[in-house]
PDB file of all heavy atoms in Angstrom:
ATOM      1  N   VAL A   1      92.465 106.510  78.454  1.00  0.00           N
ATOM      2  CA  VAL A   1      91.443 107.031  79.355  1.00  0.00           C
ATOM      3  C   VAL A   1      92.030 107.269  80.746  1.00  0.00           C
ATOM      4  O   VAL A   1      91.704 108.250  81.413  1.00  0.00           O
ATOM      5  CB  VAL A   1      90.242 106.064  79.439  1.00  0.00           C
ATOM      6  CG1 VAL A   1      89.242 106.523  80.492  1.00  0.00           C
ATOM      7  CG2 VAL A   1      89.567 105.926  78.080  1.00  0.00           C
ATOM      8  N   VAL A   2      92.863 106.361  81.204  1.00  0.00           N
ATOM      9  CA  VAL A   2      93.508 106.471  82.513  1.00  0.00           C
ATOM     10  C   VAL A   2      95.007 106.665  82.295  1.00  0.00           C
ATOM     11  O   VAL A   2      95.670 105.838  81.678  1.00  0.00           O
ATOM     12  CB  VAL A   2      93.245 105.220  83.368  1.00  0.00           C
ATOM     13  CG1 VAL A   2      94.020 105.305  84.684  1.00  0.00           C
ATOM     14  CG2 VAL A   2      91.755 105.063  83.647  1.00  0.00           C
ATOM     15  N   GLY A   3      95.526 107.779  82.787  1.00  0.00           N
ATOM     16  CA  GLY A   3      96.939 108.089  82.614  1.00  0.00           C
ATOM     17  C   GLY A   3      97.619 108.340  83.940  1.00  0.00           C
ATOM     18  O   GLY A   3      97.278 107.760  84.965  1.00  0.00           O
ATOM     19  N   GLY A   4      98.604 109.231  83.940  1.00  0.00           N
ATOM     20  CA  GLY A   4      99.276 109.623  85.165  1.00  0.00           C
ATOM     21  C   GLY A   4     100.099 108.511  85.786  1.00  0.00           C
ATOM     22  O   GLY A   4     100.746 107.717  85.109  1.00  0.00           O
ATOM     23  N   ILE A   5     100.072 108.438  87.111  1.00  0.00           N
ATOM     24  CA  ILE A   5     100.885 107.476  87.851  1.00  0.00           C
ATOM     25  C   ILE A   5     100.482 106.047  87.502  1.00  0.00           C
ATOM     26  O   ILE A   5     101.324 105.152  87.418  1.00  0.00           O
ATOM     27  CB  ILE A   5     100.765 107.728  89.367  1.00  0.00           C
ATOM     28  CG1 ILE A   5     101.288 109.126  89.714  1.00  0.00           C
ATOM     29  CG2 ILE A   5     101.546 106.677  90.157  1.00  0.00           C
ATOM     30  CD1 ILE A   5     101.014 109.548  91.138  1.00  0.00           C
ATOM     31  N   ALA A   6      99.184 105.820  87.283  1.00  0.00           N
ATOM     32  CA  ALA A   6      98.716 104.478  86.927  1.00  0.00           C
ATOM     33  C   ALA A   6      99.341 104.019  85.611  1.00  0.00           C
ATOM     34  O   ALA A   6      99.787 102.867  85.494  1.00  0.00           O
ATOM     35  CB  ALA A   6      97.191 104.466  86.829  1.00  0.00           C
ATOM     36  N   TRP A   7      99.374 104.903  84.617  1.00  0.00           N
ATOM     37  CA  TRP A   7      99.977 104.524  83.340  1.00  0.00           C
ATOM     38  C   TRP A   7     101.491 104.388  83.462  1.00  0.00           C
ATOM     39  O   TRP A   7     102.088 103.522  82.807  1.00  0.00           O
ATOM     40  CB  TRP A   7      99.610 105.524  82.251  1.00  0.00           C
ATOM     41  CG  TRP A   7     100.051 105.070  80.890  1.00  0.00           C
ATOM     42  CD1 TRP A   7     101.034 105.608  80.110  1.00  0.00           C
ATOM     43  CD2 TRP A   7      99.551 103.939  80.175  1.00  0.00           C
ATOM     44  NE1 TRP A   7     101.170 104.895  78.963  1.00  0.00           N
ATOM     45  CE2 TRP A   7     100.273 103.855  78.964  1.00  0.00           C
ATOM     46  CE3 TRP A   7      98.556 102.989  80.423  1.00  0.00           C
ATOM     47  CZ2 TRP A   7     100.025 102.864  78.016  1.00  0.00           C
ATOM     48  CZ3 TRP A   7      98.321 101.991  79.488  1.00  0.00           C
ATOM     49  CH2 TRP A   7      99.055 101.943  78.299  1.00  0.00           C
ATOM     50  N   GLU A   8     102.123 105.209  84.284  1.00  0.00           N
ATOM     51  CA  GLU A   8     103.543 105.042  84.567  1.00  0.00           C
ATOM     52  C   GLU A   8     103.806 103.649  85.129  1.00  0.00           C
ATOM     53  O   GLU A   8     104.781 102.991  84.763  1.00  0.00           O
ATOM     54  CB  GLU A   8     104.018 106.114  85.554  1.00  0.00           C
ATOM     55  CG  GLU A   8     105.480 105.964  85.961  1.00  0.00           C
ATOM     56  CD  GLU A   8     105.848 106.839  87.151  1.00  0.00           C
ATOM     57  OE1 GLU A   8     105.140 107.834  87.426  1.00  0.00           O
ATOM     58  OE2 GLU A   8     106.853 106.534  87.838  1.00  0.00           O
ATOM     59  N   PHE A   9     102.924 103.215  86.036  1.00  0.00           N
ATOM     60  CA  PHE A   9     103.047 101.872  86.605  1.00  0.00           C
ATOM     61  C   PHE A   9     102.988 100.816  85.506  1.00  0.00           C
ATOM     62  O   PHE A   9     103.787  99.876  85.492  1.00  0.00           O
ATOM     63  CB  PHE A   9     101.944 101.646  87.643  1.00  0.00           C
ATOM     64  CG  PHE A   9     101.935 100.277  88.246  1.00  0.00           C
ATOM     65  CD1 PHE A   9     102.827  99.933  89.246  1.00  0.00           C
ATOM     66  CD2 PHE A   9     101.020  99.314  87.822  1.00  0.00           C
ATOM     67  CE1 PHE A   9     102.828  98.657  89.805  1.00  0.00           C
ATOM     68  CE2 PHE A   9     101.004  98.045  88.377  1.00  0.00           C
ATOM     69  CZ  PHE A   9     101.910  97.720  89.370  1.00  0.00           C
ATOM     70  N   VAL A  10     102.056 100.964  84.567  1.00  0.00           N
ATOM     71  CA  VAL A  10     101.928 100.012  83.464  1.00  0.00           C
ATOM     72  C   VAL A  10     103.193  99.991  82.614  1.00  0.00           C
ATOM     73  O   VAL A  10     103.712  98.925  82.261  1.00  0.00           O
ATOM     74  CB  VAL A  10     100.700 100.349  82.601  1.00  0.00           C
ATOM     75  CG1 VAL A  10     100.677  99.510  81.319  1.00  0.00           C
ATOM     76  CG2 VAL A  10      99.413 100.125  83.393  1.00  0.00           C
ATOM     77  N   GLU A  11     103.691 101.165  82.271  1.00  0.00           N
ATOM     78  CA  GLU A  11     104.890 101.239  81.429  1.00  0.00           C
ATOM     79  C   GLU A  11     106.095 100.611  82.125  1.00  0.00           C
ATOM     80  O   GLU A  11     106.870  99.872  81.510  1.00  0.00           O
ATOM     81  CB  GLU A  11     105.181 102.699  81.081  1.00  0.00           C
ATOM     82  CG  GLU A  11     104.161 103.311  80.129  1.00  0.00           C
ATOM     83  CD  GLU A  11     104.479 104.726  79.758  1.00  0.00           C
ATOM     84  OE1 GLU A  11     104.945 105.511  80.633  1.00  0.00           O
ATOM     85  OE2 GLU A  11     104.279 105.088  78.579  1.00  0.00           O
ATOM     86  N   ARG A  12     106.241 100.887  83.413  1.00  0.00           N
ATOM     87  CA  ARG A  12     107.369 100.313  84.141  1.00  0.00           C
ATOM     88  C   ARG A  12     107.195  98.811  84.339  1.00  0.00           C
ATOM     89  O   ARG A  12     108.172  98.054  84.375  1.00  0.00           O
ATOM     90  CB  ARG A  12     107.553 101.036  85.475  1.00  0.00           C
ATOM     91  CG  ARG A  12     108.027 102.477  85.313  1.00  0.00           C
ATOM     92  CD  ARG A  12     108.197 103.192  86.634  1.00  0.00           C
ATOM     93  NE  ARG A  12     109.228 102.608  87.481  1.00  0.00           N
ATOM     94  CZ  ARG A  12     109.671 103.131  88.623  1.00  0.00           C
ATOM     95  NH1 ARG A  12     109.168 104.298  89.048  1.00  0.00           N
ATOM     96  NH2 ARG A  12     110.604 102.525  89.339  1.00  0.00           N
ATOM     97  N   LEU A  13     105.932  98.374  84.458  1.00  0.00           N
ATOM     98  CA  LEU A  13     105.657  96.945  84.568  1.00  0.00           C
ATOM     99  C   LEU A  13     106.075  96.224  83.295  1.00  0.00           C
ATOM    100  O   LEU A  13     106.645  95.128  83.340  1.00  0.00           O
ATOM    101  CB  LEU A  13     104.175  96.723  84.859  1.00  0.00           C
ATOM    102  CG  LEU A  13     103.733  95.352  85.390  1.00  0.00           C
ATOM    103  CD1 LEU A  13     104.420  95.015  86.704  1.00  0.00           C
ATOM    104  CD2 LEU A  13     102.209  95.312  85.565  1.00  0.00           C
ATOM    105  N   GLN A  14     105.817  96.840  82.150  1.00  0.00           N
ATOM    106  CA  GLN A  14     106.263  96.263  80.882  1.00  0.00           C
ATOM    107  C   GLN A  14     107.788  96.220  80.801  1.00  0.00           C
ATOM    108  O   GLN A  14     108.367  95.247  80.310  1.00  0.00           O
ATOM    109  CB  GLN A  14     105.701  97.076  79.711  1.00  0.00           C
ATOM    110  CG  GLN A  14     104.191  96.989  79.529  1.00  0.00           C
ATOM    111  CD  GLN A  14     103.731  97.792  78.320  1.00  0.00           C
ATOM    112  OE1 GLN A  14     103.587  97.277  77.224  1.00  0.00           O
ATOM    113  NE2 GLN A  14     103.500  99.081  78.527  1.00  0.00           N
ATOM    114  N   GLU A  15     108.432  97.278  81.282  1.00  0.00           N
ATOM    115  CA  GLU A  15     109.900  97.357  81.205  1.00  0.00           C
ATOM    116  C   GLU A  15     110.581  96.233  81.967  1.00  0.00           C
ATOM    117  O   GLU A  15     111.644  95.748  81.558  1.00  0.00           O
ATOM    118  CB  GLU A  15     110.367  98.714  81.733  1.00  0.00           C
ATOM    119  CG  GLU A  15     110.037  99.889  80.821  1.00  0.00           C
ATOM    120  CD  GLU A  15     110.340 101.227  81.471  1.00  0.00           C
ATOM    121  OE1 GLU A  15     110.874 101.224  82.613  1.00  0.00           O
ATOM    122  OE2 GLU A  15     110.056 102.276  80.855  1.00  0.00           O
ATOM    123  N   ILE A  16     109.971  95.800  83.085  1.00  0.00           N
ATOM    124  CA  ILE A  16     110.597  94.734  83.869  1.00  0.00           C
ATOM    125  C   ILE A  16     110.041  93.362  83.509  1.00  0.00           C
ATOM    126  O   ILE A  16     110.318  92.365  84.172  1.00  0.00           O
ATOM    127  CB  ILE A  16     110.451  94.986  85.390  1.00  0.00           C
ATOM    128  CG1 ILE A  16     108.981  94.996  85.835  1.00  0.00           C
ATOM    129  CG2 ILE A  16     111.146  96.288  85.786  1.00  0.00           C
ATOM    130  CD1 ILE A  16     108.792  95.093  87.343  1.00  0.00           C
ATOM    131  N   GLY A  17     109.270  93.297  82.425  1.00  0.00           N
ATOM    132  CA  GLY A  17     108.776  92.018  81.919  1.00  0.00           C
ATOM    133  C   GLY A  17     107.587  91.453  82.657  1.00  0.00           C
ATOM    134  O   GLY A  17     107.320  90.253  82.552  1.00  0.00           O
ATOM    135  N   GLY A  18     106.844  92.306  83.361  1.00  0.00           N
ATOM    136  CA  GLY A  18     105.727  91.807  84.151  1.00  0.00           C
ATOM    137  C   GLY A  18     104.361  92.268  83.704  1.00  0.00           C
ATOM    138  O   GLY A  18     103.365  91.987  84.393  1.00  0.00           O
ATOM    139  N   GLY A  19     104.274  92.969  82.554  1.00  0.00           N
ATOM    140  CA  GLY A  19     102.991  93.461  82.089  1.00  0.00           C
ATOM    141  C   GLY A  19     102.879  93.419  80.581  1.00  0.00           C
ATOM    142  O   GLY A  19     103.895  93.531  79.867  1.00  0.00           O
ATOM    143  N   PHE A  20     101.647  93.251  80.082  1.00  0.00           N
ATOM    144  CA  PHE A  20     101.398  93.101  78.655  1.00  0.00           C
ATOM    145  C   PHE A  20     100.113  93.844  78.305  1.00  0.00           C
ATOM    146  O   PHE A  20      99.022  93.423  78.703  1.00  0.00           O
ATOM    147  CB  PHE A  20     101.283  91.621  78.281  1.00  0.00           C
ATOM    148  CG  PHE A  20     102.299  90.761  78.971  1.00  0.00           C
ATOM    149  CD1 PHE A  20     102.028  90.197  80.217  1.00  0.00           C
ATOM    150  CD2 PHE A  20     103.555  90.569  78.421  1.00  0.00           C
ATOM    151  CE1 PHE A  20     102.962  89.426  80.881  1.00  0.00           C
ATOM    152  CE2 PHE A  20     104.497  89.802  79.082  1.00  0.00           C
ATOM    153  CZ  PHE A  20     104.204  89.228  80.298  1.00  0.00           C
ATOM    154  N   VAL A  21     100.214  94.960  77.593  1.00  0.00           N
ATOM    155  CA  VAL A  21      99.057  95.760  77.240  1.00  0.00           C
ATOM    156  C   VAL A  21      98.336  95.119  76.065  1.00  0.00           C
ATOM    157  O   VAL A  21      98.936  94.813  75.036  1.00  0.00           O
ATOM    158  CB  VAL A  21      99.460  97.203  76.891  1.00  0.00           C
ATOM    159  CG1 VAL A  21      98.233  98.018  76.506  1.00  0.00           C
ATOM    160  CG2 VAL A  21     100.163  97.864  78.071  1.00  0.00           C
ATOM    161  N   GLU A  22      97.035  94.906  76.218  1.00  0.00           N
ATOM    162  CA  GLU A  22      96.211  94.297  75.187  1.00  0.00           C
ATOM    163  C   GLU A  22      95.449  95.377  74.433  1.00  0.00           C
ATOM    164  O   GLU A  22      94.723  96.166  75.044  1.00  0.00           O
ATOM    165  CB  GLU A  22      95.232  93.300  75.808  1.00  0.00           C
ATOM    166  CG  GLU A  22      95.915  92.180  76.571  1.00  0.00           C
ATOM    167  CD  GLU A  22      94.950  91.290  77.337  1.00  0.00           C
ATOM    168  OE1 GLU A  22      93.853  91.758  77.696  1.00  0.00           O
ATOM    169  OE2 GLU A  22      95.305  90.123  77.573  1.00  0.00           O
ATOM    170  N   SER A  23      95.607  95.435  73.132  1.00  0.00           N
ATOM    171  CA  SER A  23      94.919  96.412  72.301  1.00  0.00           C
ATOM    172  C   SER A  23      93.825  95.722  71.491  1.00  0.00           C
ATOM    173  O   SER A  23      93.988  94.563  71.086  1.00  0.00           O
ATOM    174  CB  SER A  23      95.898  97.108  71.360  1.00  0.00           C
ATOM    175  OG  SER A  23      96.841  97.854  72.085  1.00  0.00           O
ATOM    176  N   PRO A  24      92.695  96.412  71.227  1.00  0.00           N
ATOM    177  CA  PRO A  24      92.382  97.797  71.583  1.00  0.00           C
ATOM    178  C   PRO A  24      91.733  97.983  72.950  1.00  0.00           C
ATOM    179  O   PRO A  24      91.418  99.090  73.328  1.00  0.00           O
ATOM    180  CB  PRO A  24      91.384  98.188  70.494  1.00  0.00           C
ATOM    181  CG  PRO A  24      90.620  96.915  70.237  1.00  0.00           C
ATOM    182  CD  PRO A  24      91.638  95.808  70.379  1.00  0.00           C
ATOM    183  N   LEU A  25      91.509  96.901  73.694  1.00  0.00           N
ATOM    184  CA  LEU A  25      90.749  97.009  74.935  1.00  0.00           C
ATOM    185  C   LEU A  25      91.468  97.800  76.017  1.00  0.00           C
ATOM    186  O   LEU A  25      90.831  98.393  76.874  1.00  0.00           O
ATOM    187  CB  LEU A  25      90.401  95.619  75.468  1.00  0.00           C
ATOM    188  CG  LEU A  25      89.353  94.822  74.717  1.00  0.00           C
ATOM    189  CD1 LEU A  25      88.996  93.558  75.480  1.00  0.00           C
ATOM    190  CD2 LEU A  25      88.097  95.640  74.524  1.00  0.00           C
ATOM    191  N   GLY A  26      92.793  97.777  75.996  1.00  0.00           N
ATOM    192  CA  GLY A  26      93.513  98.491  77.031  1.00  0.00           C
ATOM    193  C   GLY A  26      93.550  97.788  78.363  1.00  0.00           C
ATOM    194  O   GLY A  26      93.763  98.413  79.414  1.00  0.00           O
ATOM    195  N   ASN A  27      93.314  96.462  78.349  1.00  0.00           N
ATOM    196  CA  ASN A  27      93.564  95.667  79.543  1.00  0.00           C
ATOM    197  C   ASN A  27      95.064  95.415  79.672  1.00  0.00           C
ATOM    198  O   ASN A  27      95.795  95.429  78.688  1.00  0.00           O
ATOM    199  CB  ASN A  27      92.836  94.321  79.468  1.00  0.00           C
ATOM    200  CG  ASN A  27      91.334  94.471  79.519  1.00  0.00           C
ATOM    201  OD1 ASN A  27      90.813  95.394  80.130  1.00  0.00           O
ATOM    202  ND2 ASN A  27      90.636  93.551  78.889  1.00  0.00           N
ATOM    203  N   VAL A  28      95.517  95.181  80.896  1.00  0.00           N
ATOM    204  CA  VAL A  28      96.925  94.892  81.123  1.00  0.00           C
ATOM    205  C   VAL A  28      97.040  93.560  81.842  1.00  0.00           C
ATOM    206  O   VAL A  28      96.709  93.449  83.029  1.00  0.00           O
ATOM    207  CB  VAL A  28      97.609  95.999  81.950  1.00  0.00           C
ATOM    208  CG1 VAL A  28      99.081  95.648  82.188  1.00  0.00           C
ATOM    209  CG2 VAL A  28      97.488  97.345  81.247  1.00  0.00           C
ATOM    210  N   ALA A  29      97.464  92.522  81.105  1.00  0.00           N
ATOM    211  CA  ALA A  29      97.776  91.246  81.735  1.00  0.00           C
ATOM    212  C   ALA A  29      99.098  91.390  82.480  1.00  0.00           C
ATOM    213  O   ALA A  29      99.992  92.113  82.049  1.00  0.00           O
ATOM    214  CB  ALA A  29      97.874  90.152  80.681  1.00  0.00           C
ATOM    215  N   PHE A  30      99.228  90.716  83.606  1.00  0.00           N
ATOM    216  CA  PHE A  30     100.416  90.920  84.419  1.00  0.00           C
ATOM    217  C   PHE A  30     100.815  89.658  85.170  1.00  0.00           C
ATOM    218  O   PHE A  30     100.037  88.707  85.293  1.00  0.00           O
ATOM    219  CB  PHE A  30     100.197  92.060  85.427  1.00  0.00           C
ATOM    220  CG  PHE A  30      99.117  91.772  86.452  1.00  0.00           C
ATOM    221  CD1 PHE A  30      99.412  91.162  87.659  1.00  0.00           C
ATOM    222  CD2 PHE A  30      97.804  92.115  86.192  1.00  0.00           C
ATOM    223  CE1 PHE A  30      98.416  90.884  88.593  1.00  0.00           C
ATOM    224  CE2 PHE A  30      96.787  91.843  87.113  1.00  0.00           C
ATOM    225  CZ  PHE A  30      97.109  91.233  88.315  1.00  0.00           C
ATOM    226  N   GLU A  31     102.030  89.670  85.676  1.00  0.00           N
ATOM    227  CA  GLU A  31     102.566  88.611  86.511  1.00  0.00           C
ATOM    228  C   GLU A  31     102.602  89.142  87.949  1.00  0.00           C
ATOM    229  O   GLU A  31     103.164  90.210  88.209  1.00  0.00           O
ATOM    230  CB  GLU A  31     103.963  88.228  86.016  1.00  0.00           C
ATOM    231  CG  GLU A  31     104.473  86.901  86.527  1.00  0.00           C
ATOM    232  CD  GLU A  31     105.001  87.008  87.934  1.00  0.00           C
ATOM    233  OE1 GLU A  31     105.716  88.006  88.210  1.00  0.00           O
ATOM    234  OE2 GLU A  31     104.716  86.138  88.773  1.00  0.00           O
ATOM    235  N   GLN A  32     101.989  88.409  88.859  1.00  0.00           N
ATOM    236  CA  GLN A  32     101.747  88.938  90.212  1.00  0.00           C
ATOM    237  C   GLN A  32     103.006  89.378  90.949  1.00  0.00           C
ATOM    238  O   GLN A  32     103.007  90.415  91.622  1.00  0.00           O
ATOM    239  CB  GLN A  32     101.011  87.893  91.068  1.00  0.00           C
ATOM    240  CG  GLN A  32      99.531  87.794  90.841  1.00  0.00           C
ATOM    241  CD  GLN A  32      99.171  86.912  89.677  1.00  0.00           C
ATOM    242  OE1 GLN A  32     100.025  86.276  89.057  1.00  0.00           O
ATOM    243  NE2 GLN A  32      97.893  86.850  89.362  1.00  0.00           N
ATOM    244  N   GLU A  33     104.085  88.607  90.857  1.00  0.00           N
ATOM    245  CA  GLU A  33     105.278  88.946  91.620  1.00  0.00           C
ATOM    246  C   GLU A  33     105.921  90.235  91.123  1.00  0.00           C
ATOM    247  O   GLU A  33     106.426  91.035  91.916  1.00  0.00           O
ATOM    248  CB  GLU A  33     106.277  87.787  91.602  1.00  0.00           C
ATOM    249  CG  GLU A  33     105.763  86.513  92.281  1.00  0.00           C
ATOM    250  CD  GLU A  33     105.283  86.765  93.712  1.00  0.00           C
ATOM    251  OE1 GLU A  33     105.970  87.506  94.454  1.00  0.00           O
ATOM    252  OE2 GLU A  33     104.214  86.231  94.084  1.00  0.00           O
ATOM    253  N   HIS A  34     105.902  90.452  89.822  1.00  0.00           N
ATOM    254  CA  HIS A  34     106.404  91.713  89.283  1.00  0.00           C
ATOM    255  C   HIS A  34     105.533  92.881  89.738  1.00  0.00           C
ATOM    256  O   HIS A  34     106.036  93.969  90.038  1.00  0.00           O
ATOM    257  CB  HIS A  34     106.445  91.661  87.751  1.00  0.00           C
ATOM    258  CG  HIS A  34     107.567  90.838  87.186  1.00  0.00           C
ATOM    259  ND1 HIS A  34     107.472  89.483  86.999  1.00  0.00           N
ATOM    260  CD2 HIS A  34     108.808  91.192  86.786  1.00  0.00           C
ATOM    261  CE1 HIS A  34     108.608  89.031  86.496  1.00  0.00           C
ATOM    262  NE2 HIS A  34     109.435  90.034  86.354  1.00  0.00           N
ATOM    263  N   TYR A  35     104.224  92.669  89.790  1.00  0.00           N
ATOM    264  CA  TYR A  35     103.290  93.688  90.254  1.00  0.00           C
ATOM    265  C   TYR A  35     103.621  94.077  91.702  1.00  0.00           C
ATOM    266  O   TYR A  35     103.725  95.268  92.028  1.00  0.00           O
ATOM    267  CB  TYR A  35     101.859  93.157  90.134  1.00  0.00           C
ATOM    268  CG  TYR A  35     100.741  94.154  90.323  1.00  0.00           C
ATOM    269  CD1 TYR A  35      99.832  94.385  89.305  1.00  0.00           C
ATOM    270  CD2 TYR A  35     100.568  94.860  91.511  1.00  0.00           C
ATOM    271  CE1 TYR A  35      98.773  95.288  89.474  1.00  0.00           C
ATOM    272  CE2 TYR A  35      99.520  95.766  91.690  1.00  0.00           C
ATOM    273  CZ  TYR A  35      98.622  95.961  90.669  1.00  0.00           C
ATOM    274  OH  TYR A  35      97.577  96.843  90.828  1.00  0.00           O
ATOM    275  N   LYS A  36     103.781  93.077  92.565  1.00  0.00           N
ATOM    276  CA  LYS A  36     104.123  93.348  93.964  1.00  0.00           C
ATOM    277  C   LYS A  36     105.405  94.169  94.068  1.00  0.00           C
ATOM    278  O   LYS A  36     105.478  95.153  94.807  1.00  0.00           O
ATOM    279  CB  LYS A  36     104.326  92.040  94.731  1.00  0.00           C
ATOM    280  CG  LYS A  36     103.109  91.184  94.957  1.00  0.00           C
ATOM    281  CD  LYS A  36     103.533  89.912  95.683  1.00  0.00           C
ATOM    282  CE  LYS A  36     102.425  88.904  95.799  1.00  0.00           C
ATOM    283  NZ  LYS A  36     102.898  87.639  96.433  1.00  0.00           N
ATOM    284  N   LEU A  37     106.417  93.731  93.334  1.00  0.00           N
ATOM    285  CA  LEU A  37     107.721  94.378  93.392  1.00  0.00           C
ATOM    286  C   LEU A  37     107.640  95.834  92.960  1.00  0.00           C
ATOM    287  O   LEU A  37     108.158  96.729  93.646  1.00  0.00           O
ATOM    288  CB  LEU A  37     108.719  93.624  92.517  1.00  0.00           C
ATOM    289  CG  LEU A  37     110.117  94.251  92.399  1.00  0.00           C
ATOM    290  CD1 LEU A  37     110.824  94.229  93.741  1.00  0.00           C
ATOM    291  CD2 LEU A  37     110.935  93.534  91.325  1.00  0.00           C
ATOM    292  N   LEU A  38     106.978  96.088  91.846  1.00  0.00           N
ATOM    293  CA  LEU A  38     106.949  97.439  91.314  1.00  0.00           C
ATOM    294  C   LEU A  38     106.105  98.374  92.182  1.00  0.00           C
ATOM    295  O   LEU A  38     106.484  99.533  92.393  1.00  0.00           O
ATOM    296  CB  LEU A  38     106.435  97.436  89.877  1.00  0.00           C
ATOM    297  CG  LEU A  38     106.441  98.792  89.180  1.00  0.00           C
ATOM    298  CD1 LEU A  38     107.842  99.394  89.153  1.00  0.00           C
ATOM    299  CD2 LEU A  38     105.871  98.668  87.765  1.00  0.00           C
TER     300      LEU A  38
END
């Protein structure tokens, strides 16, 4: 539903080990310090 730069942020957050996409809800659990950094 939400793509673009926001989804790029999610994908890059996963790449650095700071995000976890939950299916099917599409929530993204995250680690705060990785979020700040990215």
